Amino acid sequence: MPSYSSAVKVALELFKDLAEDMEDVPISLNDITSALTGLSNTMVAIREQAITVDYLELSEKGYGYASSRSNSWQNMYVGFVRFKDTFIKDYSAVGQRSADTKDMVTLEVYVSRGREYVDILRNLVAEQFTPDYGVKVNVNMVNGSEGLIMIRYVAGTAPDLAIAIGSGIPFEFSVRGALMPLDEFNKSYTLDNGTQVLSYQDLLAQSYYEEEIIPYKYQGHYYGLPETQNWAALFYRTDILEELDVEPPDTWEDVYNLVPVLTKDGYSFYFPYGVGNYSPFLYQRGGEFYDADGLKSALNTEAAYEAFVEYANLYLQYNFIYAADFYMRFKNGEMPLGIGDMGFYCKLRYSAPELNGKWAILPVPGHTVMNDEGEIVVDRSNGGAGTCSIIISSTKHPEEAWQFLQWWGSDAVQAEYGREVEATFGVASRWNPANKNAVETLPYTQEELDVIFSQWEWLKESPNTLGGYYTSRYLITALNQTVLQGKNARVALEDAIKEINKEMKRKQKEYKITDGQSVLQANY
C-alpha cells in the first residue's frame, strides 16, 4: 500500500470506534478534524501520484502469467546502471530538445521549480522561442538557485538569467552589482523575421500593474520582471450565511458588527496572524513602511500606530483565533468566513468537492475613504508579491537575455504555460501569472475574475531597502508582545522602530549611502 494509506487506516479505525459509542463524538472533535485533514491530504496525494505501466497482458481465463517481479540480480544491475548514469547524464537537462543550433547564441537559464514545470518551459522554448528569436536556451533545473547565483557570480560562472526568483532577491543582488537594470531595455523593435521585441516599459504598460515592480526598485532602477502574483479574497460559506440571514461583510466595520452574530452561534471569522497581514491596515490608512528614500522606517506615524492597534485588537477585543487550520474549519463550518489566497482557492476546488456551490469569494474588506476625486470608496489595499525574473550583470548576451525575458512574460506564453501546467497537474497547481492578460485565459468563472481584478486594482506593494529585514523581525516581536504578553501597543511599536532604524543606518553605512543620498531614488 502507498505510504499515504496510513491516513485512511487512522480515519477508518477512529470512525469504527465512534460508531460503537456515539457518546465519544463530542470529546473526539480534534481527532475527527485531524482525520479529515489526513483524508483531504490523501485525496490530493492520490491524484498527484503518477501511474506507470510497464506492459499489459490480456488473456483467457486460466492463462499462466510469467513473473512480473524482477529478481535480486536484475535489481542490482538496474541500481548499478542508475548509479553510473549519475556521473554521466546531466539530469538538469532532461527533456531538452536537440536542434541544429550550433551557430546560435546560447543562454543559460536557472529555474528553481520541479522537473515537470521545467519540461513544459523547455518545450515552449524549443517550439516557439528558439525558432522565432534565433537564440538557443539551456534551461537548467537548479533547486535553491537563489543561493547559488551569487556564489557563481563571484566565481564568474553565473547563468545569463534566472526565473522563479523570490521578490526580495533582486534588491539584495542589485545592491551588490550582480543584476542588470531591466528598465534600461527601453526600446521596442522588430527582428528581421517580423518578431516583435517589447521594451520593459511597454511590456509593463501592456500586461502588468505598475505596483508589481515596486519591490524590485533600487536607486531609481528596476531589476526584476514580475512572474507570478498572489491574490487575496474573502471566502465565505453561502449556505451558512443564508442560514444566519446575514450578508458577507464589505468593510471592516461590517466585520466588527458581524462578529457578535457569529460568536452567538458558535462560529468565528478567520484572519491570518503575522506581519504580512498588518500591511493591509497600514496601506488602507495611507501609511508606508519606509520613507520615500528608503532611509528610515515610516512606522512612527499616527496612521501606522492606528493600523497596528486595529490589527492587534482583532485578537484582543474580537477574539480572532490567531492559530487555526482555516481549510478544515471552513469545510466543517466552524469558520464560515475568512481571508484566504489563491492557494486556499485551489485547495477548495481540488479536494473539497462536497462544498461545490456552497461557497463564494468577494474582495477583502477595507476601510471607507475619500479618493482624490472626492468620491467615497472602500480602500482594499493589499499586497501579493510572488516570484520574478532577473538578468545577471555578467551575461555576455544582455539583448538576447532581455528577448527571452520579454517573451517569457508575454501574454501568449504565460497563458499557454498556465494551460499546460493545469492540464498536467490539475487545478491544485493552477498557474498564478503576474501578467494580468494571461489571468483572463485561466479557467476561473467570470464572477471569480471580477473579484480577482477588483482586488488587484488595490494592489499595494512595499519596496525593499537596506536593513529592511529587521522590519518583519521586530514587527512580529511587537505584535507578539502586544497580543500575547499584554504590553502597551505604542511602547511595543516604538521599541521596534528604534531597532529597525538602527539596523537600516548600519547597512547604509556598510554600503556607503551617505547623507543626502537615497536607497530607492536615483542619486545624481
Protein backbone atom coordinates (compact mmCIF):
# COMPACT_ATOMS: atom_id res chain seq x y z
CA MET A 1 0.00 0.00 0.00
CA PRO A 2 1.23 3.55 -0.64
CA SER A 3 2.64 5.43 2.34
CA TYR A 4 -0.30 7.84 2.39
CA SER A 5 -2.72 4.97 3.05
CA SER A 6 -1.96 5.32 6.76
CA ALA A 7 -4.32 8.33 6.87
CA VAL A 8 -7.13 6.11 5.58
CA LYS A 9 -6.37 3.46 8.21
CA VAL A 10 -6.33 6.02 11.02
CA ALA A 11 -9.66 7.51 9.92
CA LEU A 12 -11.22 4.05 9.49
CA GLU A 13 -10.25 2.94 12.99
CA LEU A 14 -11.45 6.23 14.50
CA PHE A 15 -14.85 6.14 12.82
CA LYS A 16 -15.32 2.46 13.71
CA ASP A 17 -14.71 3.28 17.37
CA LEU A 18 -17.10 6.25 17.23
CA ALA A 19 -19.77 4.14 15.54
CA GLU A 20 -19.68 1.76 18.51
CA ASP A 21 -20.04 4.54 21.06
CA MET A 22 -21.50 7.80 19.72
CA GLU A 23 -21.15 9.46 23.12
CA ASP A 24 -17.41 9.77 22.43
CA VAL A 25 -18.03 12.12 19.49
CA PRO A 26 -18.05 15.41 21.50
CA ILE A 27 -14.70 14.64 23.14
CA SER A 28 -13.16 13.45 19.86
CA LEU A 29 -13.74 16.55 17.73
CA ASN A 30 -9.99 17.28 17.48
CA ASP A 31 -9.33 13.69 16.41
CA ILE A 32 -12.11 13.90 13.82
CA THR A 33 -10.68 17.14 12.43
CA SER A 34 -7.20 15.58 12.22
CA ALA A 35 -8.61 12.52 10.47
CA LEU A 36 -10.49 14.65 7.95
CA THR A 37 -7.34 16.68 7.30
CA GLY A 38 -5.43 13.47 6.65
CA LEU A 39 -8.10 12.23 4.24
CA SER A 40 -8.10 15.53 2.34
CA ASN A 41 -4.32 15.42 2.00
CA THR A 42 -4.60 11.80 0.87
CA MET A 43 -7.06 12.78 -1.88
CA VAL A 44 -4.54 15.30 -3.17
CA ALA A 45 -1.68 12.78 -2.97
CA ILE A 46 -3.67 10.11 -4.82
CA ARG A 47 -4.49 12.48 -7.68
CA GLU A 48 -0.87 13.60 -7.97
CA GLN A 49 0.55 10.06 -7.76
CA ALA A 50 1.84 9.03 -11.17
CA ILE A 51 0.63 5.71 -12.61
CA THR A 52 3.30 3.78 -14.50
CA VAL A 53 2.51 0.72 -16.62
CA ASP A 54 5.43 -1.36 -17.90
CA TYR A 55 3.30 -3.67 -20.01
CA LEU A 56 -0.23 -5.10 -20.20
CA GLU A 57 -1.28 -8.68 -20.92
CA LEU A 58 -4.79 -9.74 -21.95
CA SER A 59 -5.53 -13.45 -21.91
CA GLU A 60 -8.19 -16.07 -21.45
CA LYS A 61 -9.07 -17.45 -18.06
CA GLY A 62 -6.52 -19.88 -16.65
CA TYR A 63 -3.55 -18.48 -18.55
CA GLY A 64 -0.22 -18.85 -16.73
CA TYR A 65 1.31 -15.40 -16.39
CA ALA A 66 5.06 -15.02 -16.26
CA SER A 67 6.53 -13.46 -13.12
CA SER A 68 6.19 -9.69 -13.19
CA ARG A 69 8.75 -9.09 -10.47
CA SER A 70 12.46 -8.67 -11.04
CA ASN A 71 14.91 -10.89 -9.17
CA SER A 72 17.71 -9.65 -6.93
CA TRP A 73 20.35 -9.77 -9.70
CA GLN A 74 18.16 -7.69 -12.02
CA ASN A 75 17.55 -5.16 -9.26
CA MET A 76 21.29 -4.94 -8.59
CA TYR A 77 22.03 -4.39 -12.29
CA VAL A 78 19.45 -1.60 -12.63
CA GLY A 79 20.79 0.07 -9.49
CA PHE A 80 24.34 -0.06 -10.84
CA VAL A 81 23.28 1.47 -14.18
CA ARG A 82 21.44 4.30 -12.44
CA PHE A 83 24.42 4.96 -10.18
CA LYS A 84 26.74 5.06 -13.22
CA ASP A 85 24.41 7.47 -15.01
CA THR A 86 24.67 9.98 -12.18
CA PHE A 87 28.28 10.59 -13.26
CA ILE A 88 27.43 10.84 -16.97
CA LYS A 89 23.96 12.30 -17.53
CA ASP A 90 23.03 15.92 -16.95
CA TYR A 91 19.70 15.44 -15.17
CA SER A 92 19.10 19.18 -15.11
CA ALA A 93 18.76 18.98 -18.90
CA VAL A 94 16.39 16.01 -19.05
CA GLY A 95 13.65 16.68 -21.60
CA GLN A 96 15.63 19.29 -23.51
CA ARG A 97 15.16 19.01 -27.25
CA SER A 98 18.11 18.86 -29.61
CA ALA A 99 18.18 21.01 -32.72
CA ASP A 100 20.60 22.47 -35.22
CA THR A 101 21.57 25.42 -33.05
CA LYS A 102 25.37 25.25 -33.02
CA ASP A 103 25.75 28.71 -34.59
CA MET A 104 23.22 30.38 -32.31
CA VAL A 105 23.80 32.49 -29.21
CA THR A 106 23.23 30.26 -26.18
CA LEU A 107 21.63 31.47 -22.96
CA GLU A 108 21.92 29.70 -19.61
CA VAL A 109 18.73 29.97 -17.55
CA TYR A 110 18.29 28.79 -13.95
CA VAL A 111 14.83 27.72 -12.82
CA SER A 112 14.04 26.67 -9.26
CA ARG A 113 10.94 24.57 -9.96
CA GLY A 114 10.02 20.91 -10.31
CA ARG A 115 11.02 18.79 -13.27
CA GLU A 116 7.59 18.76 -14.91
CA TYR A 117 7.32 22.56 -14.74
CA VAL A 118 10.76 22.88 -16.29
CA ASP A 119 9.95 20.39 -19.05
CA ILE A 120 6.89 22.40 -20.03
CA LEU A 121 9.06 25.51 -20.28
CA ARG A 122 11.68 23.67 -22.34
CA ASN A 123 9.05 22.52 -24.81
CA LEU A 124 7.77 26.06 -25.23
CA VAL A 125 11.32 27.33 -25.75
CA ALA A 126 12.01 24.69 -28.40
CA GLU A 127 8.69 25.20 -30.19
CA GLN A 128 8.42 28.98 -30.04
CA PHE A 129 11.34 31.00 -28.69
CA THR A 130 14.32 29.46 -30.48
CA PRO A 131 12.65 29.38 -33.93
CA ASP A 132 11.31 32.94 -33.60
CA TYR A 133 14.32 34.64 -31.99
CA GLY A 134 17.20 32.50 -33.23
CA VAL A 135 18.58 32.05 -29.71
CA LYS A 136 19.32 28.72 -28.05
CA VAL A 137 18.33 28.39 -24.39
CA ASN A 138 19.65 25.83 -21.91
CA VAL A 139 17.00 25.66 -19.20
CA ASN A 140 18.61 24.26 -16.06
CA MET A 141 16.56 22.94 -13.15
CA VAL A 142 18.53 24.21 -10.14
CA ASN A 143 16.93 23.79 -6.73
CA GLY A 144 17.91 26.64 -4.44
CA SER A 145 19.20 28.67 -7.37
CA GLU A 146 18.86 31.91 -5.38
CA GLY A 147 21.67 30.80 -3.09
CA LEU A 148 23.88 29.59 -5.94
CA ILE A 149 23.65 32.59 -8.25
CA MET A 150 25.66 34.98 -6.09
CA ILE A 151 28.33 32.36 -5.43
CA ARG A 152 28.68 31.66 -9.14
CA TYR A 153 28.57 35.35 -9.94
CA VAL A 154 31.62 35.90 -7.76
CA ALA A 155 33.28 32.86 -9.34
CA GLY A 156 32.49 34.08 -12.86
CA THR A 157 30.26 31.10 -13.72
CA ALA A 158 26.80 32.62 -13.19
CA PRO A 159 23.95 31.95 -15.66
CA ASP A 160 22.71 34.64 -18.01
CA LEU A 161 19.36 34.93 -16.29
CA ALA A 162 17.08 33.23 -13.78
CA ILE A 163 13.35 32.86 -13.27
CA ALA A 164 11.25 31.79 -10.26
CA ILE A 165 13.19 34.19 -8.03
CA GLY A 166 11.72 35.48 -4.75
CA SER A 167 10.57 39.09 -4.63
CA GLY A 168 13.24 40.12 -2.11
CA ILE A 169 16.21 38.75 -4.07
CA PRO A 170 16.51 41.40 -6.85
CA PHE A 171 17.17 44.15 -4.30
CA GLU A 172 19.75 42.09 -2.43
CA PHE A 173 21.56 41.21 -5.66
CA SER A 174 21.32 44.69 -7.19
CA VAL A 175 22.99 46.43 -4.24
CA ARG A 176 25.93 44.09 -4.84
CA GLY A 177 26.07 44.89 -8.56
CA ALA A 178 25.01 41.41 -9.67
CA LEU A 179 21.96 42.36 -11.78
CA MET A 180 21.22 44.37 -14.90
CA PRO A 181 18.58 47.13 -14.56
CA LEU A 182 15.74 45.99 -16.79
CA ASP A 183 14.36 49.49 -17.35
CA GLU A 184 17.44 50.20 -19.47
CA PHE A 185 15.92 47.99 -22.16
CA ASN A 186 13.84 50.97 -23.18
CA LYS A 187 13.32 50.49 -26.92
CA SER A 188 10.81 48.26 -28.67
CA TYR A 189 11.87 46.92 -32.06
CA THR A 190 11.14 44.25 -34.66
CA LEU A 191 13.52 41.46 -35.71
CA ASP A 192 14.21 40.72 -39.37
CA ASN A 193 11.72 37.84 -39.33
CA GLY A 194 8.94 40.12 -38.04
CA THR A 195 9.11 39.04 -34.38
CA GLN A 196 8.41 41.99 -32.09
CA VAL A 197 10.56 42.70 -29.02
CA LEU A 198 8.90 44.94 -26.42
CA SER A 199 10.77 47.31 -24.14
CA TYR A 200 10.49 46.89 -20.38
CA GLN A 201 8.17 49.89 -20.10
CA ASP A 202 5.96 48.81 -23.00
CA LEU A 203 5.63 45.26 -21.66
CA LEU A 204 4.66 46.54 -18.22
CA ALA A 205 2.15 49.04 -19.61
CA GLN A 206 0.53 46.36 -21.75
CA SER A 207 0.33 43.45 -19.32
CA TYR A 208 1.19 44.32 -15.71
CA TYR A 209 0.13 46.55 -12.84
CA GLU A 210 2.54 49.36 -12.05
CA GLU A 211 2.59 48.44 -8.38
CA GLU A 212 4.03 44.98 -9.13
CA ILE A 213 7.55 46.27 -9.79
CA ILE A 214 7.90 48.28 -6.56
CA PRO A 215 9.81 45.50 -4.69
CA TYR A 216 12.44 45.44 -7.44
CA LYS A 217 13.48 49.08 -7.20
CA TYR A 218 16.97 50.25 -6.21
CA GLN A 219 18.31 53.77 -6.70
CA GLY A 220 15.85 54.66 -9.45
CA HIS A 221 16.16 51.44 -11.48
CA TYR A 222 14.10 48.24 -11.58
CA TYR A 223 15.88 44.89 -11.51
CA GLY A 224 13.08 42.33 -11.80
CA LEU A 225 10.23 41.40 -14.13
CA PRO A 226 7.15 40.10 -12.25
CA GLU A 227 6.43 36.45 -12.98
CA THR A 228 3.81 35.24 -10.52
CA GLN A 229 1.38 37.21 -8.36
CA ASN A 230 -0.82 36.10 -5.49
CA TRP A 231 -4.29 37.42 -4.71
CA ALA A 232 -6.37 37.53 -1.55
CA ALA A 233 -10.14 37.37 -1.14
CA LEU A 234 -12.90 36.99 1.42
CA PHE A 235 -14.06 33.35 1.35
CA TYR A 236 -17.47 32.65 2.80
CA ARG A 237 -19.92 29.75 3.11
CA THR A 238 -23.07 30.84 1.30
CA ASP A 239 -25.18 28.11 2.93
CA ILE A 240 -24.25 29.10 6.48
CA LEU A 241 -24.66 32.84 5.91
CA GLU A 242 -28.08 32.19 4.39
CA GLU A 243 -28.99 30.15 7.45
CA LEU A 244 -27.87 33.03 9.70
CA ASP A 245 -29.68 35.50 7.43
CA VAL A 246 -26.64 37.82 7.20
CA GLU A 247 -24.75 39.38 4.31
CA PRO A 248 -21.00 38.95 3.77
CA PRO A 249 -19.07 42.00 5.02
CA ASP A 250 -17.82 44.70 2.68
CA THR A 251 -15.83 46.83 5.15
CA TRP A 252 -14.03 46.16 8.42
CA GLU A 253 -16.86 47.95 10.21
CA ASP A 254 -19.19 45.29 8.75
CA VAL A 255 -16.85 42.59 10.06
CA TYR A 256 -16.86 44.04 13.57
CA ASN A 257 -20.68 44.18 13.51
CA LEU A 258 -20.88 40.61 12.25
CA VAL A 259 -18.55 39.06 14.84
CA PRO A 260 -21.13 39.06 17.72
CA VAL A 261 -23.66 37.31 15.45
CA LEU A 262 -21.13 34.65 14.52
CA THR A 263 -19.98 34.19 18.11
CA LYS A 264 -23.55 33.77 19.36
CA ASP A 265 -24.00 30.78 17.08
CA GLY A 266 -20.58 29.26 17.73
CA TYR A 267 -18.87 30.50 14.58
CA SER A 268 -15.76 32.61 14.09
CA PHE A 269 -14.05 34.77 11.47
CA TYR A 270 -10.55 33.88 10.25
CA PHE A 271 -7.79 36.40 9.61
CA PRO A 272 -4.18 35.17 9.37
CA TYR A 273 -1.83 36.19 12.16
CA GLY A 274 1.51 37.64 11.05
CA VAL A 275 3.39 40.72 9.89
CA GLY A 276 2.19 40.42 6.30
CA ASN A 277 -1.40 40.87 7.41
CA TYR A 278 -0.65 44.09 9.24
CA SER A 279 0.18 45.73 5.90
CA PRO A 280 -3.46 45.97 4.62
CA PHE A 281 -4.41 48.01 7.69
CA LEU A 282 -1.35 50.19 7.19
CA TYR A 283 -1.94 50.76 3.47
CA GLN A 284 -5.66 51.38 3.89
CA ARG A 285 -4.87 54.21 6.29
CA GLY A 286 -2.40 55.75 3.85
CA GLY A 287 0.68 54.55 5.74
CA GLU A 288 4.00 53.25 4.42
CA PHE A 289 6.76 51.05 5.79
CA TYR A 290 9.60 53.38 4.77
CA ASP A 291 10.15 57.00 3.79
CA ALA A 292 10.45 57.93 0.10
CA ASP A 293 14.23 57.38 0.08
CA GLY A 294 14.17 54.09 1.98
CA LEU A 295 16.41 55.55 4.68
CA LYS A 296 14.13 55.36 7.73
CA SER A 297 11.12 53.45 8.95
CA ALA A 298 7.83 55.28 8.41
CA LEU A 299 6.06 53.32 11.16
CA ASN A 300 6.39 56.27 13.56
CA THR A 301 3.33 57.96 12.01
CA GLU A 302 -0.08 58.09 13.64
CA ALA A 303 -1.53 56.12 10.71
CA ALA A 304 0.94 53.28 11.34
CA TYR A 305 0.15 53.23 15.06
CA GLU A 306 -3.63 53.22 14.50
CA ALA A 307 -3.25 50.40 11.98
CA PHE A 308 -1.13 48.41 14.47
CA VAL A 309 -3.70 48.86 17.23
CA GLU A 310 -6.59 47.88 14.96
CA TYR A 311 -4.80 44.73 13.84
CA ALA A 312 -3.87 43.76 17.40
CA ASN A 313 -7.47 44.35 18.52
CA LEU A 314 -8.68 41.64 16.16
CA TYR A 315 -7.21 39.19 18.66
CA LEU A 316 -7.51 41.25 21.85
CA GLN A 317 -11.05 42.62 21.55
CA TYR A 318 -12.76 40.45 18.95
CA ASN A 319 -11.12 37.16 19.97
CA PHE A 320 -10.00 36.14 16.50
CA ILE A 321 -8.15 32.82 16.60
CA TYR A 322 -4.52 33.51 15.70
CA ALA A 323 -3.59 29.85 15.03
CA ALA A 324 -6.17 27.76 13.17
CA ASP A 325 -6.49 25.35 10.26
CA PHE A 326 -8.78 27.58 8.20
CA TYR A 327 -9.21 24.96 5.47
CA MET A 328 -10.60 22.28 7.76
CA ARG A 329 -12.66 24.71 9.83
CA PHE A 330 -14.09 26.23 6.67
CA LYS A 331 -15.01 22.74 5.45
CA ASN A 332 -16.71 21.69 8.67
CA GLY A 333 -18.40 25.08 9.05
CA GLU A 334 -16.71 26.33 12.24
CA MET A 335 -15.23 29.29 10.32
CA PRO A 336 -17.74 30.21 7.61
CA LEU A 337 -15.83 33.40 6.72
CA GLY A 338 -12.20 34.31 6.44
CA ILE A 339 -9.39 35.74 4.36
CA GLY A 340 -7.64 33.30 2.05
CA ASP A 341 -5.44 33.44 -1.01
CA MET A 342 -5.08 31.64 -4.33
CA GLY A 343 -3.58 28.58 -2.63
CA PHE A 344 -6.65 28.29 -0.43
CA TYR A 345 -8.89 28.66 -3.50
CA CYS A 346 -7.08 25.85 -5.34
CA LYS A 347 -7.28 23.61 -2.29
CA LEU A 348 -11.04 24.07 -2.05
CA ARG A 349 -11.53 23.46 -5.76
CA TYR A 350 -9.33 20.38 -5.71
CA SER A 351 -10.05 18.50 -2.51
CA ALA A 352 -13.40 19.76 -1.23
CA PRO A 353 -15.91 18.68 -3.92
CA GLU A 354 -18.58 18.30 -1.25
CA LEU A 355 -18.62 22.11 -0.89
CA ASN A 356 -19.24 22.86 -4.56
CA GLY A 357 -21.95 25.52 -4.79
CA LYS A 358 -21.75 26.25 -1.05
CA TRP A 359 -19.01 28.90 -1.03
CA ALA A 360 -18.04 32.06 -2.88
CA ILE A 361 -15.45 34.83 -2.81
CA LEU A 362 -15.54 38.62 -2.56
CA PRO A 363 -12.82 41.31 -2.39
CA VAL A 364 -11.22 41.63 1.04
CA PRO A 365 -12.87 44.03 3.50
CA GLY A 366 -11.48 47.56 3.54
CA HIS A 367 -11.94 50.99 5.05
CA THR A 368 -14.20 53.71 3.69
CA VAL A 369 -12.14 56.67 2.44
CA MET A 370 -12.45 59.65 0.11
CA ASN A 371 -10.33 59.34 -3.04
CA ASP A 372 -8.58 62.13 -4.95
CA GLU A 373 -11.75 62.80 -6.98
CA GLY A 374 -13.79 63.36 -3.83
CA GLU A 375 -15.65 60.04 -4.13
CA ILE A 376 -16.34 57.75 -1.17
CA VAL A 377 -14.78 54.35 -1.88
CA VAL A 378 -13.72 51.25 0.05
CA ASP A 379 -9.92 51.09 0.16
CA ARG A 380 -8.95 47.40 -0.10
CA SER A 381 -5.19 47.88 -0.46
CA ASN A 382 -3.35 44.60 -0.11
CA GLY A 383 -0.11 43.03 -1.27
CA GLY A 384 0.56 39.87 -3.24
CA ALA A 385 4.17 39.78 -4.45
CA GLY A 386 5.20 36.45 -5.96
CA THR A 387 8.26 35.50 -7.99
CA CYS A 388 10.17 37.39 -10.66
CA SER A 389 12.79 37.02 -13.41
CA ILE A 390 16.24 38.63 -13.44
CA ILE A 391 19.23 39.12 -15.75
CA ILE A 392 22.70 38.64 -14.24
CA SER A 393 25.02 41.57 -14.92
CA SER A 394 27.88 39.29 -16.01
CA THR A 395 25.93 37.99 -19.04
CA LYS A 396 27.69 38.34 -22.38
CA HIS A 397 24.36 38.45 -24.22
CA PRO A 398 22.21 41.10 -22.49
CA GLU A 399 19.99 41.84 -25.50
CA GLU A 400 19.24 38.16 -26.11
CA ALA A 401 18.60 37.70 -22.38
CA TRP A 402 16.03 40.51 -22.48
CA GLN A 403 14.44 38.99 -25.58
CA PHE A 404 13.92 35.80 -23.59
CA LEU A 405 12.50 37.58 -20.55
CA GLN A 406 10.02 39.68 -22.51
CA TRP A 407 8.99 36.54 -24.43
CA TRP A 408 8.55 34.61 -21.17
CA GLY A 409 6.50 37.44 -19.66
CA SER A 410 4.30 37.95 -22.73
CA ASP A 411 0.54 37.40 -22.76
CA ALA A 412 0.54 34.41 -25.11
CA VAL A 413 3.38 32.48 -23.46
CA GLN A 414 2.12 32.98 -19.91
CA ALA A 415 -1.37 31.93 -20.98
CA GLU A 416 -0.12 28.80 -22.76
CA TYR A 417 2.19 27.87 -19.90
CA GLY A 418 -0.71 28.22 -17.47
CA ARG A 419 -2.90 25.94 -19.59
CA GLU A 420 -0.14 23.33 -19.86
CA VAL A 421 0.53 23.38 -16.11
CA GLU A 422 -3.13 22.91 -15.24
CA ALA A 423 -3.56 20.18 -17.85
CA THR A 424 -0.59 18.36 -16.29
CA PHE A 425 -1.24 18.82 -12.57
CA GLY A 426 -4.88 19.85 -12.29
CA VAL A 427 -6.47 22.83 -10.60
CA ALA A 428 -4.44 22.28 -7.39
CA SER A 429 -1.39 23.64 -9.24
CA ARG A 430 -3.08 26.42 -11.19
CA TRP A 431 -0.53 28.90 -12.50
CA ASN A 432 -0.75 32.37 -10.96
CA PRO A 433 0.80 34.71 -13.55
CA ALA A 434 1.59 38.31 -12.72
CA ASN A 435 0.57 39.06 -16.32
CA LYS A 436 -3.00 40.33 -15.91
CA ASN A 437 -3.97 39.49 -19.50
CA ALA A 438 -2.85 35.87 -19.05
CA VAL A 439 -5.01 35.53 -15.92
CA GLU A 440 -8.12 36.12 -18.02
CA THR A 441 -7.39 32.95 -20.03
CA LEU A 442 -7.34 30.68 -16.96
CA PRO A 443 -10.48 28.65 -16.15
CA TYR A 444 -11.90 30.95 -13.49
CA THR A 445 -15.58 31.84 -13.61
CA GLN A 446 -16.40 35.40 -14.65
CA GLU A 447 -17.51 36.16 -11.09
CA GLU A 448 -14.16 34.96 -9.75
CA LEU A 449 -12.24 37.00 -12.30
CA ASP A 450 -14.23 40.08 -11.33
CA VAL A 451 -13.19 39.59 -7.70
CA ILE A 452 -9.52 38.98 -8.58
CA PHE A 453 -9.23 42.06 -10.78
CA SER A 454 -11.25 44.18 -8.37
CA GLN A 455 -8.78 43.25 -5.64
CA TRP A 456 -5.75 43.78 -7.87
CA GLU A 457 -6.95 47.30 -8.63
CA TRP A 458 -5.99 47.96 -5.00
CA LEU A 459 -2.65 46.17 -5.26
CA LYS A 460 -0.09 47.82 -2.99
CA GLU A 461 3.49 46.65 -2.59
CA SER A 462 6.26 47.80 -0.29
CA PRO A 463 9.79 48.49 -1.54
CA ASN A 464 12.80 46.62 -0.18
CA THR A 465 15.57 48.60 1.45
CA LEU A 466 18.87 48.15 3.27
CA GLY A 467 18.25 46.56 6.65
CA GLY A 468 14.58 46.07 5.79
CA TYR A 469 14.67 42.50 7.09
CA TYR A 470 14.53 43.99 10.59
CA THR A 471 11.06 45.35 9.82
CA SER A 472 9.37 41.97 9.74
CA ARG A 473 11.54 40.63 12.57
CA TYR A 474 10.73 43.40 15.04
CA LEU A 475 7.15 43.96 13.93
CA ILE A 476 6.29 40.35 14.77
CA THR A 477 8.05 40.85 18.11
CA ALA A 478 5.95 43.96 18.79
CA LEU A 479 2.80 42.15 17.74
CA ASN A 480 3.53 39.15 19.98
CA GLN A 481 4.33 41.45 22.89
CA THR A 482 1.04 43.29 22.42
CA VAL A 483 -1.27 40.35 21.71
CA LEU A 484 0.30 37.56 23.73
CA GLN A 485 2.09 39.38 26.55
CA GLY A 486 -0.19 42.37 27.13
CA LYS A 487 2.44 45.05 26.52
CA ASN A 488 1.29 48.54 25.63
CA ALA A 489 0.92 48.76 21.84
CA ARG A 490 2.58 52.14 21.44
CA VAL A 491 5.57 51.17 23.55
CA ALA A 492 6.00 47.88 21.68
CA LEU A 493 5.82 49.58 18.28
CA GLU A 494 8.20 52.40 19.26
CA ASP A 495 10.74 49.88 20.57
CA ALA A 496 10.53 48.04 17.25
CA ILE A 497 11.02 51.26 15.24
CA LYS A 498 14.18 52.10 17.18
CA GLU A 499 15.73 48.72 16.35
CA ILE A 500 14.64 48.91 12.71
CA ASN A 501 16.16 52.37 12.20
CA LYS A 502 19.36 51.34 13.93
CA GLU A 503 19.87 48.38 11.57
CA MET A 504 18.92 50.41 8.49
CA LYS A 505 21.50 53.05 9.44
CA ARG A 506 24.15 50.38 9.94
CA LYS A 507 23.51 48.83 6.49
CA GLN A 508 23.53 52.25 4.82
CA LYS A 509 26.96 52.87 6.31
CA GLU A 510 28.14 49.45 5.12
CA TYR A 511 27.05 50.19 1.53
CA LYS A 512 28.32 53.79 1.70
CA ILE A 513 24.94 55.51 1.41
CA THR A 514 25.86 58.93 2.74
CA ASP A 515 23.70 61.82 3.90
CA GLY A 516 21.77 63.35 1.01
CA GLN A 517 21.75 60.10 -0.95
CA SER A 518 18.84 57.69 -1.45
CA VAL A 519 18.40 53.92 -1.42
CA LEU A 520 15.30 53.95 -3.61
CA GLN A 521 15.58 57.10 -5.73
CA ALA A 522 18.30 57.86 -8.28
CA ASN A 523 21.38 59.64 -6.92
CA TYR A 524 22.69 62.22 -9.38
